Amino acid sequence: MKKKVILGILVIFLIALVPLFVLKDAEFGGSDDAGSQVVEEMDPSYEPWATPILETIIGGELPGEVESLFFCIQTGIGVGIIAFIMGRFVERRKWMNKEGDSRDYHR
């Protein structure tokens, strides 16, 4: 079992690191940027029909650091919710197992 875990961790690291060294001239970017470029190529006269709410409030584009901060906050909130729900399922299972064990002792 220990060998499988170590092998799995090694494979994960290889999947993450190999593209950085193999793809020398590759550009890594977000899907938003790629989508915008495709739209501009297909229809150069396209005008977006909506702007982000914060950009209209502050009157300009948000700095990249602030966008990253908001993304990290959203990720943290999502992970917190998922972890809470999973924790509740684990506790419910423990509680149900305890309840089943105590019933067996009373018979």
PDB file of N, CA and C in Angstrom:
ATOM      1  N   MET A   1       0.826  -1.198   0.000  1.00  0.00           N
ATOM      2  CA  MET A   1       0.000   0.000   0.000  1.00  0.00           C
ATOM      3  C   MET A   1       0.872   1.265   0.000  1.00  0.00           C
ATOM      4  N   LYS A   2       1.948   1.226   0.784  1.00  0.00           N
ATOM      5  CA  LYS A   2       2.821   2.385   0.885  1.00  0.00           C
ATOM      6  C   LYS A   2       3.478   2.700  -0.462  1.00  0.00           C
ATOM      7  N   LYS A   3       3.844   1.659  -1.208  1.00  0.00           N
ATOM      8  CA  LYS A   3       4.462   1.856  -2.517  1.00  0.00           C
ATOM      9  C   LYS A   3       3.483   2.498  -3.495  1.00  0.00           C
ATOM     10  N   LYS A   4       2.204   2.105  -3.415  1.00  0.00           N
ATOM     11  CA  LYS A   4       1.191   2.683  -4.304  1.00  0.00           C
ATOM     12  C   LYS A   4       1.008   4.171  -4.023  1.00  0.00           C
ATOM     13  N   VAL A   5       1.015   4.546  -2.756  1.00  0.00           N
ATOM     14  CA  VAL A   5       0.853   5.958  -2.391  1.00  0.00           C
ATOM     15  C   VAL A   5       2.037   6.770  -2.889  1.00  0.00           C
ATOM     16  N   ILE A   6       3.234   6.268  -2.668  1.00  0.00           N
ATOM     17  CA  ILE A   6       4.432   6.979  -3.125  1.00  0.00           C
ATOM     18  C   ILE A   6       4.440   7.081  -4.646  1.00  0.00           C
ATOM     19  N   LEU A   7       4.078   6.004  -5.333  1.00  0.00           N
ATOM     20  CA  LEU A   7       4.003   6.028  -6.791  1.00  0.00           C
ATOM     21  C   LEU A   7       2.947   7.026  -7.270  1.00  0.00           C
ATOM     22  N   GLY A   8       1.798   7.077  -6.601  1.00  0.00           N
ATOM     23  CA  GLY A   8       0.751   8.036  -6.952  1.00  0.00           C
ATOM     24  C   GLY A   8       1.206   9.472  -6.786  1.00  0.00           C
ATOM     25  N   ILE A   9       1.894   9.752  -5.692  1.00  0.00           N
ATOM     26  CA  ILE A   9       2.413  11.110  -5.454  1.00  0.00           C
ATOM     27  C   ILE A   9       3.442  11.476  -6.518  1.00  0.00           C
ATOM     28  N   LEU A  10       4.287  10.536  -6.872  1.00  0.00           N
ATOM     29  CA  LEU A  10       5.289  10.784  -7.909  1.00  0.00           C
ATOM     30  C   LEU A  10       4.630  11.073  -9.256  1.00  0.00           C
ATOM     31  N   VAL A  11       3.603  10.311  -9.598  1.00  0.00           N
ATOM     32  CA  VAL A  11       2.889  10.536 -10.854  1.00  0.00           C
ATOM     33  C   VAL A  11       2.242  11.921 -10.858  1.00  0.00           C
ATOM     34  N   ILE A  12       1.658  12.323  -9.744  1.00  0.00           N
ATOM     35  CA  ILE A  12       1.040  13.649  -9.647  1.00  0.00           C
ATOM     36  C   ILE A  12       2.071  14.750  -9.901  1.00  0.00           C
ATOM     37  N   PHE A  13       3.238  14.624  -9.275  1.00  0.00           N
ATOM     38  CA  PHE A  13       4.280  15.621  -9.487  1.00  0.00           C
ATOM     39  C   PHE A  13       4.756  15.638 -10.941  1.00  0.00           C
ATOM     40  N   LEU A  14       4.882  14.465 -11.542  1.00  0.00           N
ATOM     41  CA  LEU A  14       5.301  14.421 -12.947  1.00  0.00           C
ATOM     42  C   LEU A  14       4.269  15.075 -13.852  1.00  0.00           C
ATOM     43  N   ILE A  15       2.995  14.819 -13.599  1.00  0.00           N
ATOM     44  CA  ILE A  15       1.940  15.437 -14.416  1.00  0.00           C
ATOM     45  C   ILE A  15       1.988  16.958 -14.289  1.00  0.00           C
ATOM     46  N   ALA A  16       2.325  17.460 -13.112  1.00  0.00           N
ATOM     47  CA  ALA A  16       2.359  18.905 -12.899  1.00  0.00           C
ATOM     48  C   ALA A  16       3.628  19.543 -13.451  1.00  0.00           C
ATOM     49  N   LEU A  17       4.764  18.862 -13.349  1.00  0.00           N
ATOM     50  CA  LEU A  17       6.032  19.497 -13.693  1.00  0.00           C
ATOM     51  C   LEU A  17       6.506  19.253 -15.128  1.00  0.00           C
ATOM     52  N   VAL A  18       6.200  18.106 -15.710  1.00  0.00           N
ATOM     53  CA  VAL A  18       6.693  17.792 -17.054  1.00  0.00           C
ATOM     54  C   VAL A  18       6.267  18.840 -18.084  1.00  0.00           C
ATOM     55  N   PRO A  19       5.006  19.284 -18.114  1.00  0.00           N
ATOM     56  CA  PRO A  19       4.636  20.298 -19.122  1.00  0.00           C
ATOM     57  C   PRO A  19       5.432  21.597 -19.003  1.00  0.00           C
ATOM     58  N   LEU A  20       5.857  21.951 -17.799  1.00  0.00           N
ATOM     59  CA  LEU A  20       6.617  23.191 -17.644  1.00  0.00           C
ATOM     60  C   LEU A  20       7.975  23.116 -18.339  1.00  0.00           C
ATOM     61  N   PHE A  21       8.567  21.925 -18.392  1.00  0.00           N
ATOM     62  CA  PHE A  21       9.886  21.778 -18.999  1.00  0.00           C
ATOM     63  C   PHE A  21       9.816  21.326 -20.454  1.00  0.00           C
ATOM     64  N   VAL A  22       8.801  20.572 -20.809  1.00  0.00           N
ATOM     65  CA  VAL A  22       8.686  20.038 -22.168  1.00  0.00           C
ATOM     66  C   VAL A  22       8.161  21.106 -23.134  1.00  0.00           C
ATOM     67  N   LEU A  23       7.199  21.870 -22.699  1.00  0.00           N
ATOM     68  CA  LEU A  23       6.581  22.894 -23.558  1.00  0.00           C
ATOM     69  C   LEU A  23       7.292  24.227 -23.348  1.00  0.00           C
ATOM     70  N   LYS A  24       8.434  24.392 -24.000  1.00  0.00           N
ATOM     71  CA  LYS A  24       9.286  25.576 -23.768  1.00  0.00           C
ATOM     72  C   LYS A  24       8.615  26.886 -24.172  1.00  0.00           C
ATOM     73  N   ASP A  25       8.001  26.940 -25.347  1.00  0.00           N
ATOM     74  CA  ASP A  25       7.456  28.198 -25.846  1.00  0.00           C
ATOM     75  C   ASP A  25       5.948  28.325 -25.631  1.00  0.00           C
ATOM     76  N   ALA A  26       5.395  27.460 -24.806  1.00  0.00           N
ATOM     77  CA  ALA A  26       3.946  27.485 -24.586  1.00  0.00           C
ATOM     78  C   ALA A  26       3.566  28.666 -23.705  1.00  0.00           C
ATOM     79  N   GLU A  27       2.415  29.227 -23.992  1.00  0.00           N
ATOM     80  CA  GLU A  27       1.878  30.305 -23.170  1.00  0.00           C
ATOM     81  C   GLU A  27       0.703  29.760 -22.377  1.00  0.00           C
ATOM     82  N   PHE A  28       0.775  29.917 -21.078  1.00  0.00           N
ATOM     83  CA  PHE A  28      -0.301  29.463 -20.224  1.00  0.00           C
ATOM     84  C   PHE A  28      -1.161  30.664 -19.867  1.00  0.00           C
ATOM     85  N   GLY A  29      -2.443  30.577 -20.161  1.00  0.00           N
ATOM     86  CA  GLY A  29      -3.342  31.688 -19.892  1.00  0.00           C
ATOM     87  C   GLY A  29      -4.712  31.183 -19.493  1.00  0.00           C
ATOM     88  N   GLY A  30      -5.548  32.098 -19.122  1.00  0.00           N
ATOM     89  CA  GLY A  30      -6.887  31.727 -18.692  1.00  0.00           C
ATOM     90  C   GLY A  30      -7.840  31.556 -19.857  1.00  0.00           C
ATOM     91  N   SER A  31      -8.935  30.928 -19.581  1.00  0.00           N
ATOM     92  CA  SER A  31      -9.940  30.702 -20.620  1.00  0.00           C
ATOM     93  C   SER A  31     -10.626  32.010 -21.017  1.00  0.00           C
ATOM     94  N   ASP A  32     -10.695  32.971 -20.100  1.00  0.00           N
ATOM     95  CA  ASP A  32     -11.299  34.261 -20.444  1.00  0.00           C
ATOM     96  C   ASP A  32     -10.517  34.952 -21.561  1.00  0.00           C
ATOM     97  N   ASP A  33      -9.199  34.939 -21.422  1.00  0.00           N
ATOM     98  CA  ASP A  33      -8.364  35.566 -22.444  1.00  0.00           C
ATOM     99  C   ASP A  33      -8.486  34.847 -23.784  1.00  0.00           C
ATOM    100  N   ALA A  34      -8.477  33.524 -23.741  1.00  0.00           N
ATOM    101  CA  ALA A  34      -8.579  32.742 -24.974  1.00  0.00           C
ATOM    102  C   ALA A  34      -9.933  32.984 -25.647  1.00  0.00           C
ATOM    103  N   GLY A  35     -10.990  33.036 -24.871  1.00  0.00           N
ATOM    104  CA  GLY A  35     -12.317  33.291 -25.426  1.00  0.00           C
ATOM    105  C   GLY A  35     -12.410  34.668 -26.058  1.00  0.00           C
ATOM    106  N   SER A  36     -11.847  35.661 -25.402  1.00  0.00           N
ATOM    107  CA  SER A  36     -11.862  37.017 -25.946  1.00  0.00           C
ATOM    108  C   SER A  36     -11.120  37.086 -27.278  1.00  0.00           C
ATOM    109  N   GLN A  37      -9.992  36.398 -27.362  1.00  0.00           N
ATOM    110  CA  GLN A  37      -9.222  36.402 -28.611  1.00  0.00           C
ATOM    111  C   GLN A  37      -9.993  35.746 -29.751  1.00  0.00           C
ATOM    112  N   VAL A  38     -10.679  34.651 -29.464  1.00  0.00           N
ATOM    113  CA  VAL A  38     -11.458  33.962 -30.499  1.00  0.00           C
ATOM    114  C   VAL A  38     -12.603  34.842 -30.982  1.00  0.00           C
ATOM    115  N   VAL A  39     -13.268  35.526 -30.044  1.00  0.00           N
ATOM    116  CA  VAL A  39     -14.377  36.408 -30.430  1.00  0.00           C
ATOM    117  C   VAL A  39     -13.863  37.549 -31.300  1.00  0.00           C
ATOM    118  N   GLU A  40     -12.726  38.131 -30.941  1.00  0.00           N
ATOM    119  CA  GLU A  40     -12.160  39.221 -31.736  1.00  0.00           C
ATOM    120  C   GLU A  40     -11.784  38.760 -33.137  1.00  0.00           C
ATOM    121  N   GLU A  41     -11.277  37.529 -33.248  1.00  0.00           N
ATOM    122  CA  GLU A  41     -10.927  36.998 -34.567  1.00  0.00           C
ATOM    123  C   GLU A  41     -12.173  36.772 -35.420  1.00  0.00           C
ATOM    124  N   MET A  42     -13.237  36.290 -34.807  1.00  0.00           N
ATOM    125  CA  MET A  42     -14.450  35.974 -35.557  1.00  0.00           C
ATOM    126  C   MET A  42     -15.240  37.226 -35.935  1.00  0.00           C
ATOM    127  N   ASP A  43     -15.303  38.187 -35.008  1.00  0.00           N
ATOM    128  CA  ASP A  43     -16.096  39.402 -35.258  1.00  0.00           C
ATOM    129  C   ASP A  43     -15.396  40.591 -34.596  1.00  0.00           C
ATOM    130  N   PRO A  44     -14.532  41.288 -35.325  1.00  0.00           N
ATOM    131  CA  PRO A  44     -13.784  42.399 -34.739  1.00  0.00           C
ATOM    132  C   PRO A  44     -14.680  43.548 -34.248  1.00  0.00           C
ATOM    133  N   SER A  45     -15.898  43.650 -34.753  1.00  0.00           N
ATOM    134  CA  SER A  45     -16.776  44.750 -34.344  1.00  0.00           C
ATOM    135  C   SER A  45     -17.625  44.398 -33.115  1.00  0.00           C
ATOM    136  N   TYR A  46     -17.415  43.237 -32.524  1.00  0.00           N
ATOM    137  CA  TYR A  46     -18.226  42.807 -31.374  1.00  0.00           C
ATOM    138  C   TYR A  46     -17.998  43.717 -30.179  1.00  0.00           C
ATOM    139  N   GLU A  47     -19.082  44.124 -29.561  1.00  0.00           N
ATOM    140  CA  GLU A  47     -19.042  44.928 -28.330  1.00  0.00           C
ATOM    141  C   GLU A  47     -19.679  44.120 -27.205  1.00  0.00           C
ATOM    142  N   PRO A  48     -19.006  43.949 -26.088  1.00  0.00           N
ATOM    143  CA  PRO A  48     -19.607  43.222 -24.964  1.00  0.00           C
ATOM    144  C   PRO A  48     -20.892  43.913 -24.511  1.00  0.00           C
ATOM    145  N   TRP A  49     -21.914  43.138 -24.178  1.00  0.00           N
ATOM    146  CA  TRP A  49     -23.199  43.706 -23.795  1.00  0.00           C
ATOM    147  C   TRP A  49     -23.307  43.947 -22.291  1.00  0.00           C
ATOM    148  N   ALA A  50     -22.313  43.495 -21.523  1.00  0.00           N
ATOM    149  CA  ALA A  50     -22.335  43.715 -20.073  1.00  0.00           C
ATOM    150  C   ALA A  50     -20.914  43.958 -19.588  1.00  0.00           C
ATOM    151  N   THR A  51     -20.800  44.685 -18.497  1.00  0.00           N
ATOM    152  CA  THR A  51     -19.497  44.893 -17.865  1.00  0.00           C
ATOM    153  C   THR A  51     -19.579  44.403 -16.428  1.00  0.00           C
ATOM    154  N   PRO A  52     -18.473  43.970 -15.870  1.00  0.00           N
ATOM    155  CA  PRO A  52     -18.491  43.526 -14.475  1.00  0.00           C
ATOM    156  C   PRO A  52     -18.956  44.636 -13.539  1.00  0.00           C
ATOM    157  N   ILE A  53     -19.703  44.265 -12.523  1.00  0.00           N
ATOM    158  CA  ILE A  53     -20.309  45.244 -11.608  1.00  0.00           C
ATOM    159  C   ILE A  53     -19.247  46.098 -10.923  1.00  0.00           C
ATOM    160  N   LEU A  54     -18.175  45.469 -10.410  1.00  0.00           N
ATOM    161  CA  LEU A  54     -17.147  46.248  -9.719  1.00  0.00           C
ATOM    162  C   LEU A  54     -16.440  47.215 -10.658  1.00  0.00           C
ATOM    163  N   GLU A  55     -16.282  46.829 -11.915  1.00  0.00           N
ATOM    164  CA  GLU A  55     -15.634  47.737 -12.862  1.00  0.00           C
ATOM    165  C   GLU A  55     -16.495  48.959 -13.130  1.00  0.00           C
ATOM    166  N   THR A  56     -17.820  48.807 -13.119  1.00  0.00           N
ATOM    167  CA  THR A  56     -18.684  49.982 -13.307  1.00  0.00           C
ATOM    168  C   THR A  56     -18.682  50.854 -12.059  1.00  0.00           C
ATOM    169  N   ILE A  57     -18.536  50.252 -10.875  1.00  0.00           N
ATOM    170  CA  ILE A  57     -18.528  51.033  -9.631  1.00  0.00           C
ATOM    171  C   ILE A  57     -17.254  51.851  -9.517  1.00  0.00           C
ATOM    172  N   ILE A  58     -16.092  51.210  -9.773  1.00  0.00           N
ATOM    173  CA  ILE A  58     -14.834  51.941  -9.602  1.00  0.00           C
ATOM    174  C   ILE A  58     -14.433  52.707 -10.857  1.00  0.00           C
ATOM    175  N   GLY A  59     -15.117  52.457 -11.961  1.00  0.00           N
ATOM    176  CA  GLY A  59     -14.860  53.221 -13.178  1.00  0.00           C
ATOM    177  C   GLY A  59     -13.661  52.756 -13.977  1.00  0.00           C
ATOM    178  N   GLY A  60     -13.252  51.533 -13.828  1.00  0.00           N
ATOM    179  CA  GLY A  60     -12.123  51.007 -14.604  1.00  0.00           C
ATOM    180  C   GLY A  60     -11.935  49.533 -14.323  1.00  0.00           C
ATOM    181  N   GLU A  61     -10.892  48.985 -14.923  1.00  0.00           N
ATOM    182  CA  GLU A  61     -10.624  47.560 -14.766  1.00  0.00           C
ATOM    183  C   GLU A  61      -9.927  47.290 -13.439  1.00  0.00           C
ATOM    184  N   LEU A  62     -10.282  46.175 -12.829  1.00  0.00           N
ATOM    185  CA  LEU A  62      -9.642  45.783 -11.570  1.00  0.00           C
ATOM    186  C   LEU A  62      -8.215  45.326 -11.826  1.00  0.00           C
ATOM    187  N   PRO A  63      -7.303  45.626 -10.906  1.00  0.00           N
ATOM    188  CA  PRO A  63      -5.935  45.102 -11.049  1.00  0.00           C
ATOM    189  C   PRO A  63      -5.952  43.570 -10.976  1.00  0.00           C
ATOM    190  N   GLY A  64      -4.993  42.940 -11.607  1.00  0.00           N
ATOM    191  CA  GLY A  64      -4.913  41.488 -11.631  1.00  0.00           C
ATOM    192  C   GLY A  64      -4.821  40.879 -10.242  1.00  0.00           C
ATOM    193  N   GLU A  65      -4.137  41.571  -9.327  1.00  0.00           N
ATOM    194  CA  GLU A  65      -3.994  41.059  -7.967  1.00  0.00           C
ATOM    195  C   GLU A  65      -5.340  41.002  -7.257  1.00  0.00           C
ATOM    196  N   VAL A  66      -6.172  41.992  -7.499  1.00  0.00           N
ATOM    197  CA  VAL A  66      -7.494  42.025  -6.855  1.00  0.00           C
ATOM    198  C   VAL A  66      -8.375  40.927  -7.439  1.00  0.00           C
ATOM    199  N   GLU A  67      -8.311  40.716  -8.748  1.00  0.00           N
ATOM    200  CA  GLU A  67      -9.077  39.636  -9.362  1.00  0.00           C
ATOM    201  C   GLU A  67      -8.634  38.288  -8.797  1.00  0.00           C
ATOM    202  N   SER A  68      -7.314  38.111  -8.632  1.00  0.00           N
ATOM    203  CA  SER A  68      -6.800  36.867  -8.052  1.00  0.00           C
ATOM    204  C   SER A  68      -7.273  36.705  -6.614  1.00  0.00           C
ATOM    205  N   LEU A  69      -7.300  37.803  -5.873  1.00  0.00           N
ATOM    206  CA  LEU A  69      -7.780  37.753  -4.493  1.00  0.00           C
ATOM    207  C   LEU A  69      -9.233  37.310  -4.442  1.00  0.00           C
ATOM    208  N   PHE A  70     -10.074  37.888  -5.289  1.00  0.00           N
ATOM    209  CA  PHE A  70     -11.489  37.502  -5.305  1.00  0.00           C
ATOM    210  C   PHE A  70     -11.654  36.034  -5.703  1.00  0.00           C
ATOM    211  N   PHE A  71     -10.852  35.594  -6.663  1.00  0.00           N
ATOM    212  CA  PHE A  71     -10.917  34.191  -7.080  1.00  0.00           C
ATOM    213  C   PHE A  71     -10.526  33.273  -5.920  1.00  0.00           C
ATOM    214  N   CYS A  72      -9.471  33.634  -5.192  1.00  0.00           N
ATOM    215  CA  CYS A  72      -9.037  32.822  -4.048  1.00  0.00           C
ATOM    216  C   CYS A  72     -10.088  32.813  -2.944  1.00  0.00           C
ATOM    217  N   ILE A  73     -10.736  33.943  -2.706  1.00  0.00           N
ATOM    218  CA  ILE A  73     -11.795  33.997  -1.691  1.00  0.00           C
ATOM    219  C   ILE A  73     -12.955  33.091  -2.102  1.00  0.00           C
ATOM    220  N   GLN A  74     -13.356  33.153  -3.359  1.00  0.00           N
ATOM    221  CA  GLN A  74     -14.435  32.280  -3.846  1.00  0.00           C
ATOM    222  C   GLN A  74     -14.044  30.810  -3.694  1.00  0.00           C
ATOM    223  N   THR A  75     -12.806  30.493  -4.020  1.00  0.00           N
ATOM    224  CA  THR A  75     -12.334  29.119  -3.887  1.00  0.00           C
ATOM    225  C   THR A  75     -12.367  28.682  -2.434  1.00  0.00           C
ATOM    226  N   GLY A  76     -11.900  29.543  -1.536  1.00  0.00           N
ATOM    227  CA  GLY A  76     -11.900  29.211  -0.114  1.00  0.00           C
ATOM    228  C   GLY A  76     -13.299  28.980   0.427  1.00  0.00           C
ATOM    229  N   ILE A  77     -14.231  29.821   0.018  1.00  0.00           N
ATOM    230  CA  ILE A  77     -15.614  29.653   0.465  1.00  0.00           C
ATOM    231  C   ILE A  77     -16.180  28.334  -0.063  1.00  0.00           C
ATOM    232  N   GLY A  78     -15.938  28.039  -1.318  1.00  0.00           N
ATOM    233  CA  GLY A  78     -16.426  26.784  -1.906  1.00  0.00           C
ATOM    234  C   GLY A  78     -15.837  25.562  -1.221  1.00  0.00           C
ATOM    235  N   VAL A  79     -14.527  25.587  -0.984  1.00  0.00           N
ATOM    236  CA  VAL A  79     -13.883  24.465  -0.305  1.00  0.00           C
ATOM    237  C   VAL A  79     -14.421  24.332   1.122  1.00  0.00           C
ATOM    238  N   GLY A  80     -14.642  25.449   1.793  1.00  0.00           N
ATOM    239  CA  GLY A  80     -15.197  25.403   3.148  1.00  0.00           C
ATOM    240  C   GLY A  80     -16.575  24.761   3.176  1.00  0.00           C
ATOM    241  N   ILE A  81     -17.413  25.118   2.217  1.00  0.00           N
ATOM    242  CA  ILE A  81     -18.766  24.542   2.155  1.00  0.00           C
ATOM    243  C   ILE A  81     -18.690  23.040   1.881  1.00  0.00           C
ATOM    244  N   ILE A  82     -17.862  22.650   0.917  1.00  0.00           N
ATOM    245  CA  ILE A  82     -17.736  21.226   0.593  1.00  0.00           C
ATOM    246  C   ILE A  82     -17.182  20.450   1.784  1.00  0.00           C
ATOM    247  N   ALA A  83     -16.158  20.990   2.457  1.00  0.00           N
ATOM    248  CA  ALA A  83     -15.579  20.310   3.614  1.00  0.00           C
ATOM    249  C   ALA A  83     -16.601  20.202   4.744  1.00  0.00           C
ATOM    250  N   PHE A  84     -17.395  21.232   4.950  1.00  0.00           N
ATOM    251  CA  PHE A  84     -18.420  21.186   5.994  1.00  0.00           C
ATOM    252  C   PHE A  84     -19.431  20.079   5.708  1.00  0.00           C
ATOM    253  N   ILE A  85     -19.898  20.010   4.461  1.00  0.00           N
ATOM    254  CA  ILE A  85     -20.888  18.989   4.088  1.00  0.00           C
ATOM    255  C   ILE A  85     -20.299  17.591   4.234  1.00  0.00           C
ATOM    256  N   MET A  86     -19.064  17.411   3.770  1.00  0.00           N
ATOM    257  CA  MET A  86     -18.438  16.100   3.898  1.00  0.00           C
ATOM    258  C   MET A  86     -18.236  15.735   5.366  1.00  0.00           C
ATOM    259  N   GLY A  87     -17.866  16.698   6.182  1.00  0.00           N
ATOM    260  CA  GLY A  87     -17.716  16.453   7.618  1.00  0.00           C
ATOM    261  C   GLY A  87     -19.029  16.045   8.260  1.00  0.00           C
ATOM    262  N   ARG A  88     -20.107  16.666   7.840  1.00  0.00           N
ATOM    263  CA  ARG A  88     -21.428  16.289   8.376  1.00  0.00           C
ATOM    264  C   ARG A  88     -21.777  14.852   8.015  1.00  0.00           C
ATOM    265  N   PHE A  89     -21.463  14.452   6.772  1.00  0.00           N
ATOM    266  CA  PHE A  89     -21.729  13.068   6.368  1.00  0.00           C
ATOM    267  C   PHE A  89     -20.919  12.083   7.214  1.00  0.00           C
ATOM    268  N   VAL A  90     -19.650  12.409   7.461  1.00  0.00           N
ATOM    269  CA  VAL A  90     -18.804  11.530   8.275  1.00  0.00           C
ATOM    270  C   VAL A  90     -19.340  11.451   9.699  1.00  0.00           C
ATOM    271  N   GLU A  91     -19.693  12.585  10.276  1.00  0.00           N
ATOM    272  CA  GLU A  91     -20.227  12.590  11.646  1.00  0.00           C
ATOM    273  C   GLU A  91     -21.552  11.837  11.718  1.00  0.00           C
ATOM    274  N   ARG A  92     -22.394  11.992  10.691  1.00  0.00           N
ATOM    275  CA  ARG A  92     -23.671  11.279  10.681  1.00  0.00           C
ATOM    276  C   ARG A  92     -23.431   9.778  10.660  1.00  0.00           C
ATOM    277  N   ARG A  93     -22.474   9.341   9.865  1.00  0.00           N
ATOM    278  CA  ARG A  93     -22.167   7.910   9.793  1.00  0.00           C
ATOM    279  C   ARG A  93     -21.650   7.406  11.144  1.00  0.00           C
ATOM    280  N   LYS A  94     -20.762   8.176  11.783  1.00  0.00           N
ATOM    281  CA  LYS A  94     -20.268   7.782  13.110  1.00  0.00           C
ATOM    282  C   LYS A  94     -21.406   7.718  14.113  1.00  0.00           C
ATOM    283  N   TRP A  95     -22.295   8.705  14.060  1.00  0.00           N
ATOM    284  CA  TRP A  95     -23.420   8.752  14.992  1.00  0.00           C
ATOM    285  C   TRP A  95     -24.357   7.572  14.768  1.00  0.00           C
ATOM    286  N   MET A  96     -24.626   7.258  13.484  1.00  0.00           N
ATOM    287  CA  MET A  96     -25.496   6.138  13.155  1.00  0.00           C
ATOM    288  C   MET A  96     -24.857   4.814  13.592  1.00  0.00           C
ATOM    289  N   ASN A  97     -23.551   4.667  13.403  1.00  0.00           N
ATOM    290  CA  ASN A  97     -22.872   3.445  13.832  1.00  0.00           C
ATOM    291  C   ASN A  97     -22.898   3.309  15.349  1.00  0.00           C
ATOM    292  N   LYS A  98     -22.704   4.417  16.056  1.00  0.00           N
ATOM    293  CA  LYS A  98     -22.762   4.398  17.523  1.00  0.00           C
ATOM    294  C   LYS A  98     -24.155   4.016  17.991  1.00  0.00           C
ATOM    295  N   GLU A  99     -25.155   4.597  17.350  1.00  0.00           N
ATOM    296  CA  GLU A  99     -26.536   4.318  17.720  1.00  0.00           C
ATOM    297  C   GLU A  99     -26.862   2.846  17.471  1.00  0.00           C
ATOM    298  N   GLY A 100     -26.385   2.292  16.375  1.00  0.00           N
ATOM    299  CA  GLY A 100     -26.610   0.883  16.085  1.00  0.00           C
ATOM    300  C   GLY A 100     -25.907  -0.011  17.065  1.00  0.00           C
ATOM    301  N   ASP A 101     -24.696   0.350  17.507  1.00  0.00           N
ATOM    302  CA  ASP A 101     -23.957  -0.438  18.486  1.00  0.00           C
ATOM    303  C   ASP A 101     -24.663  -0.439  19.839  1.00  0.00           C
ATOM    304  N   SER A 102     -25.200   0.727  20.244  1.00  0.00           N
ATOM    305  CA  SER A 102     -25.847   0.812  21.560  1.00  0.00           C
ATOM    306  C   SER A 102     -27.138   0.019  21.577  1.00  0.00           C
ATOM    307  N   ARG A 103     -27.833  -0.098  20.462  1.00  0.00           N
ATOM    308  CA  ARG A 103     -29.046  -0.906  20.394  1.00  0.00           C
ATOM    309  C   ARG A 103     -28.747  -2.386  20.560  1.00  0.00           C
ATOM    310  N   ASP A 104     -27.603  -2.812  19.992  1.00  0.00           N
ATOM    311  CA  ASP A 104     -27.230  -4.210  20.091  1.00  0.00           C
ATOM    312  C   ASP A 104     -26.930  -4.612  21.545  1.00  0.00           C
ATOM    313  N   TYR A 105     -26.370  -3.695  22.337  1.00  0.00           N
ATOM    314  CA  TYR A 105     -26.026  -4.005  23.722  1.00  0.00           C
ATOM    315  C   TYR A 105     -27.274  -4.138  24.592  1.00  0.00           C
ATOM    316  N   HIS A 106     -28.344  -3.456  24.263  1.00  0.00           N
ATOM    317  CA  HIS A 106     -29.539  -3.485  25.087  1.00  0.00           C
ATOM    318  C   HIS A 106     -30.369  -4.742  24.878  1.00  0.00           C
ATOM    319  N   ARG A 107     -30.117  -5.489  23.839  1.00  0.00           N
ATOM    320  CA  ARG A 107     -30.929  -6.687  23.567  1.00  0.00           C
ATOM    321  C   ARG A 107     -30.469  -7.858  24.329  1.00  0.00           C
TER     322      ARG A 107
END
